[in-house]
């Protein structure tokens, strides 16, 4: 069974799937959705009327539900499966939070590293200029030595 589907770039599930996963009656999940205390705007964005085909080949009412709608709905559920889901949701949120905090540290580390690289590059450039300067002086001295030791031919 596919628990989540992608539709228009958004992840969704259905009230029927939620009922099956949480071991609840689908009519009770529908009732919970209809009785959920939220704004009309939230309801329209997160609970869309839909249907599914039953094993008896009947077209039955359900809801397509976004992640936010799922979270709001399932936070009201009770029982072992609901508690397990709530724990997993909280753990995932904590992991996300830790990841975001870690991203700030990693970004700061990268900024410091970039500064160090720029400083090393500047030092490397200075060393390169010094080497070219010393090399130029060396070449002048070498040319002078060659001139001094070569036999002078007078014509």
C-alpha atoms as a PDB file:
ATOM      1  CA  UNK A   1       0.000   0.000   0.000  1.00  0.00           C
ATOM      2  CA  UNK A   2       1.321   3.421  -0.943  1.00  0.00           C
ATOM      3  CA  UNK A   3       1.052   5.598   2.155  1.00  0.00           C
ATOM      4  CA  UNK A   4       2.109   8.917   0.619  1.00  0.00           C
ATOM      5  CA  UNK A   5       1.639  10.158  -2.933  1.00  0.00           C
ATOM      6  CA  UNK A   6       2.984  13.215  -4.689  1.00  0.00           C
ATOM      7  CA  UNK A   7       0.441  15.486  -6.295  1.00  0.00           C
ATOM      8  CA  UNK A   8       1.227  18.870  -7.853  1.00  0.00           C
ATOM      9  CA  UNK A   9       4.569  18.979  -6.040  1.00  0.00           C
ATOM     10  CA  UNK A  10       3.002  18.285  -2.622  1.00  0.00           C
ATOM     11  CA  UNK A  11       3.025  15.107  -0.579  1.00  0.00           C
ATOM     12  CA  UNK A  12      -0.407  13.837   0.417  1.00  0.00           C
ATOM     13  CA  UNK A  13      -2.086  10.852   1.984  1.00  0.00           C
ATOM     14  CA  UNK A  14      -5.753   9.934   2.363  1.00  0.00           C
ATOM     15  CA  UNK A  15      -8.144   9.552   5.253  1.00  0.00           C
ATOM     16  CA  UNK A  16      -8.585   5.884   4.258  1.00  0.00           C
ATOM     17  CA  UNK A  17      -4.835   5.223   4.491  1.00  0.00           C
ATOM     18  CA  UNK A  18      -4.685   6.999   7.858  1.00  0.00           C
ATOM     19  CA  UNK A  19      -7.566   4.837   9.126  1.00  0.00           C
ATOM     20  CA  UNK A  20      -5.795   1.675   7.959  1.00  0.00           C
ATOM     21  CA  UNK A  21      -2.380   2.639   9.381  1.00  0.00           C
ATOM     22  CA  UNK A  22      -3.757   3.705  12.776  1.00  0.00           C
ATOM     23  CA  UNK A  23      -6.203   0.806  12.981  1.00  0.00           C
ATOM     24  CA  UNK A  24      -9.219   3.116  13.154  1.00  0.00           C
ATOM     25  CA  UNK A  25     -12.574   2.977  11.465  1.00  0.00           C
ATOM     26  CA  UNK A  26     -12.607   5.162   8.360  1.00  0.00           C
ATOM     27  CA  UNK A  27     -15.943   6.715   9.353  1.00  0.00           C
ATOM     28  CA  UNK A  28     -14.346   7.786  12.676  1.00  0.00           C
ATOM     29  CA  UNK A  29     -11.418   9.389  10.847  1.00  0.00           C
ATOM     30  CA  UNK A  30     -13.889  11.231   8.566  1.00  0.00           C
ATOM     31  CA  UNK A  31     -15.797  12.387  11.653  1.00  0.00           C
ATOM     32  CA  UNK A  32     -12.530  13.579  13.260  1.00  0.00           C
ATOM     33  CA  UNK A  33     -11.704  15.579  10.118  1.00  0.00           C
ATOM     34  CA  UNK A  34     -15.172  17.120   9.993  1.00  0.00           C
ATOM     35  CA  UNK A  35     -14.969  18.027  13.706  1.00  0.00           C
ATOM     36  CA  UNK A  36     -11.376  19.297  13.685  1.00  0.00           C
ATOM     37  CA  UNK A  37     -11.082  22.759  15.215  1.00  0.00           C
ATOM     38  CA  UNK A  38      -9.170  24.791  12.616  1.00  0.00           C
ATOM     39  CA  UNK A  39      -9.712  27.806  10.394  1.00  0.00           C
ATOM     40  CA  UNK A  40     -11.638  27.382   7.164  1.00  0.00           C
ATOM     41  CA  UNK A  41      -8.529  28.493   5.248  1.00  0.00           C
ATOM     42  CA  UNK A  42      -6.449  25.705   6.845  1.00  0.00           C
ATOM     43  CA  UNK A  43      -9.222  23.172   6.153  1.00  0.00           C
ATOM     44  CA  UNK A  44      -9.412  24.142   2.455  1.00  0.00           C
ATOM     45  CA  UNK A  45      -5.613  23.963   2.011  1.00  0.00           C
ATOM     46  CA  UNK A  46      -5.108  20.669   3.842  1.00  0.00           C
ATOM     47  CA  UNK A  47      -8.254  18.519   3.596  1.00  0.00           C
ATOM     48  CA  UNK A  48      -9.550  18.023   0.057  1.00  0.00           C
ATOM     49  CA  UNK A  49     -12.655  15.945  -0.591  1.00  0.00           C
ATOM     50  CA  UNK A  50     -11.875  12.904  -2.722  1.00  0.00           C
ATOM     51  CA  UNK A  51     -12.913   9.278  -3.185  1.00  0.00           C
ATOM     52  CA  UNK A  52     -11.510   5.780  -3.383  1.00  0.00           C
ATOM     53  CA  UNK A  53     -12.764   2.553  -4.901  1.00  0.00           C
ATOM     54  CA  UNK A  54     -13.625  -0.116  -2.339  1.00  0.00           C
ATOM     55  CA  UNK A  55     -12.849  -3.828  -2.777  1.00  0.00           C
ATOM     56  CA  UNK A  56     -16.545  -4.176  -3.711  1.00  0.00           C
ATOM     57  CA  UNK A  57     -15.881  -1.688  -6.555  1.00  0.00           C
ATOM     58  CA  UNK A  58     -17.881   1.103  -4.882  1.00  0.00           C
ATOM     59  CA  UNK A  59     -16.885   4.746  -5.052  1.00  0.00           C
ATOM     60  CA  UNK A  60     -16.534   5.907  -1.420  1.00  0.00           C
ATOM     61  CA  UNK A  61     -15.879   9.326   0.094  1.00  0.00           C
ATOM     62  CA  UNK A  62     -12.505  10.159   1.648  1.00  0.00           C
ATOM     63  CA  UNK A  63     -10.149  13.120   2.045  1.00  0.00           C
ATOM     64  CA  UNK A  64      -6.780  13.824   0.451  1.00  0.00           C
ATOM     65  CA  UNK A  65      -4.687  15.231   3.280  1.00  0.00           C
ATOM     66  CA  UNK A  66      -1.460  17.251   3.248  1.00  0.00           C
ATOM     67  CA  UNK A  67       1.368  16.761   5.739  1.00  0.00           C
ATOM     68  CA  UNK A  68       0.123  19.713   7.826  1.00  0.00           C
ATOM     69  CA  UNK A  69      -3.420  18.338   7.845  1.00  0.00           C
ATOM     70  CA  UNK A  70      -2.058  14.919   8.783  1.00  0.00           C
ATOM     71  CA  UNK A  71      -0.101  16.394  11.693  1.00  0.00           C
ATOM     72  CA  UNK A  72      -3.078  18.346  13.037  1.00  0.00           C
ATOM     73  CA  UNK A  73      -5.469  15.407  12.670  1.00  0.00           C
ATOM     74  CA  UNK A  74      -3.196  12.722  14.102  1.00  0.00           C
ATOM     75  CA  UNK A  75      -2.058  14.804  17.075  1.00  0.00           C
ATOM     76  CA  UNK A  76      -5.620  14.314  18.346  1.00  0.00           C
ATOM     77  CA  UNK A  77      -5.499  10.518  18.012  1.00  0.00           C
ATOM     78  CA  UNK A  78      -4.948   8.299  21.047  1.00  0.00           C
ATOM     79  CA  UNK A  79      -3.685   4.777  21.431  1.00  0.00           C
ATOM     80  CA  UNK A  80      -0.395   2.953  21.000  1.00  0.00           C
ATOM     81  CA  UNK A  81      -0.023   3.586  17.253  1.00  0.00           C
ATOM     82  CA  UNK A  82      -0.836   7.271  17.695  1.00  0.00           C
ATOM     83  CA  UNK A  83       1.691   7.582  20.524  1.00  0.00           C
ATOM     84  CA  UNK A  84       4.329   5.826  18.396  1.00  0.00           C
ATOM     85  CA  UNK A  85       3.661   8.223  15.515  1.00  0.00           C
ATOM     86  CA  UNK A  86       3.779  11.276  17.825  1.00  0.00           C
ATOM     87  CA  UNK A  87       7.143  10.139  19.220  1.00  0.00           C
ATOM     88  CA  UNK A  88       8.539   9.637  15.715  1.00  0.00           C
ATOM     89  CA  UNK A  89       7.234  13.076  14.700  1.00  0.00           C
ATOM     90  CA  UNK A  90       8.859  14.714  17.741  1.00  0.00           C
ATOM     91  CA  UNK A  91      12.145  12.855  17.119  1.00  0.00           C
ATOM     92  CA  UNK A  92      12.150  13.900  13.458  1.00  0.00           C
ATOM     93  CA  UNK A  93      11.528  17.515  14.474  1.00  0.00           C
ATOM     94  CA  UNK A  94      14.386  17.353  16.996  1.00  0.00           C
ATOM     95  CA  UNK A  95      16.726  15.871  14.370  1.00  0.00           C
ATOM     96  CA  UNK A  96      15.743  18.643  11.971  1.00  0.00           C
ATOM     97  CA  UNK A  97      16.372  21.265  14.653  1.00  0.00           C
ATOM     98  CA  UNK A  98      19.777  19.772  15.490  1.00  0.00           C
ATOM     99  CA  UNK A  99      20.604  19.680  11.795  1.00  0.00           C
ATOM    100  CA  UNK A 100      19.713  23.349  11.405  1.00  0.00           C
ATOM    101  CA  UNK A 101      21.806  24.304  14.420  1.00  0.00           C
ATOM    102  CA  UNK A 102      24.662  22.229  13.037  1.00  0.00           C
ATOM    103  CA  UNK A 103      24.297  23.970   9.671  1.00  0.00           C
ATOM    104  CA  UNK A 104      24.936  27.337  11.323  1.00  0.00           C
ATOM    105  CA  UNK A 105      28.127  25.997  12.908  1.00  0.00           C
ATOM    106  CA  UNK A 106      29.235  24.390   9.643  1.00  0.00           C
ATOM    107  CA  UNK A 107      28.551  27.611   7.727  1.00  0.00           C
ATOM    108  CA  UNK A 108      30.590  29.606  10.265  1.00  0.00           C
ATOM    109  CA  UNK A 109      33.395  27.046   9.964  1.00  0.00           C
ATOM    110  CA  UNK A 110      33.320  27.413   6.178  1.00  0.00           C
ATOM    111  CA  UNK A 111      33.450  31.202   6.437  1.00  0.00           C
ATOM    112  CA  UNK A 112      36.479  30.976   8.734  1.00  0.00           C
ATOM    113  CA  UNK A 113      38.070  28.433   6.410  1.00  0.00           C
ATOM    114  CA  UNK A 114      37.487  30.737   3.438  1.00  0.00           C
ATOM    115  CA  UNK A 115      39.185  33.569   5.330  1.00  0.00           C
ATOM    116  CA  UNK A 116      42.136  31.283   6.106  1.00  0.00           C
ATOM    117  CA  UNK A 117      42.341  30.264   2.443  1.00  0.00           C
ATOM    118  CA  UNK A 118      42.330  33.898   1.352  1.00  0.00           C
ATOM    119  CA  UNK A 119      45.117  34.680   3.839  1.00  0.00           C
ATOM    120  CA  UNK A 120      47.131  31.670   2.631  1.00  0.00           C
ATOM    121  CA  UNK A 121      46.544  32.762  -0.964  1.00  0.00           C
ATOM    122  CA  UNK A 122      47.782  36.258  -0.163  1.00  0.00           C
ATOM    123  CA  UNK A 123      50.895  34.793   1.513  1.00  0.00           C
ATOM    124  CA  UNK A 124      51.429  32.489  -1.475  1.00  0.00           C
ATOM    125  CA  UNK A 125      51.141  35.465  -3.840  1.00  0.00           C
ATOM    126  CA  UNK A 126      53.667  37.416  -1.758  1.00  0.00           C
ATOM    127  CA  UNK A 127      56.046  34.442  -1.816  1.00  0.00           C
ATOM    128  CA  UNK A 128      55.579  34.176  -5.590  1.00  0.00           C
ATOM    129  CA  UNK A 129      56.406  37.883  -6.036  1.00  0.00           C
ATOM    130  CA  UNK A 130      59.482  37.477  -3.811  1.00  0.00           C
ATOM    131  CA  UNK A 131      60.619  34.424  -5.789  1.00  0.00           C
ATOM    132  CA  UNK A 132      60.216  36.313  -9.096  1.00  0.00           C
ATOM    133  CA  UNK A 133      62.145  39.256  -7.683  1.00  0.00           C
ATOM    134  CA  UNK A 134      64.990  37.058  -6.360  1.00  0.00           C
ATOM    135  CA  UNK A 135      64.991  35.084  -9.619  1.00  0.00           C
ATOM    136  CA  UNK A 136      65.286  38.305 -11.627  1.00  0.00           C
ATOM    137  CA  UNK A 137      68.248  39.458  -9.486  1.00  0.00           C
ATOM    138  CA  UNK A 138      69.791  35.978  -9.844  1.00  0.00           C
ATOM    139  CA  UNK A 139      69.425  36.078 -13.629  1.00  0.00           C
ATOM    140  CA  UNK A 140      71.044  39.519 -13.760  1.00  0.00           C
ATOM    141  CA  UNK A 141      73.985  38.236 -11.655  1.00  0.00           C
ATOM    142  CA  UNK A 142      74.270  35.089 -13.779  1.00  0.00           C
ATOM    143  CA  UNK A 143      74.285  37.170 -16.974  1.00  0.00           C
ATOM    144  CA  UNK A 144      76.940  39.451 -15.433  1.00  0.00           C
ATOM    145  CA  UNK A 145      79.084  36.439 -14.466  1.00  0.00           C
ATOM    146  CA  UNK A 146      78.827  35.045 -17.973  1.00  0.00           C
ATOM    147  CA  UNK A 147      79.841  38.396 -19.379  1.00  0.00           C
ATOM    148  CA  UNK A 148      82.786  38.637 -16.995  1.00  0.00           C
ATOM    149  CA  UNK A 149      84.193  35.181 -17.729  1.00  0.00           C
ATOM    150  CA  UNK A 150      83.670  35.040 -21.459  1.00  0.00           C
ATOM    151  CA  UNK A 151      86.622  35.846 -23.555  1.00  0.00           C
ATOM    152  CA  UNK A 152      86.413  39.209 -25.135  1.00  0.00           C
ATOM    153  CA  UNK A 153      87.141  39.126 -28.785  1.00  0.00           C
ATOM    154  CA  UNK A 154      88.445  42.318 -30.201  1.00  0.00           C
ATOM    155  CA  UNK A 155      87.879  42.868 -33.865  1.00  0.00           C
END
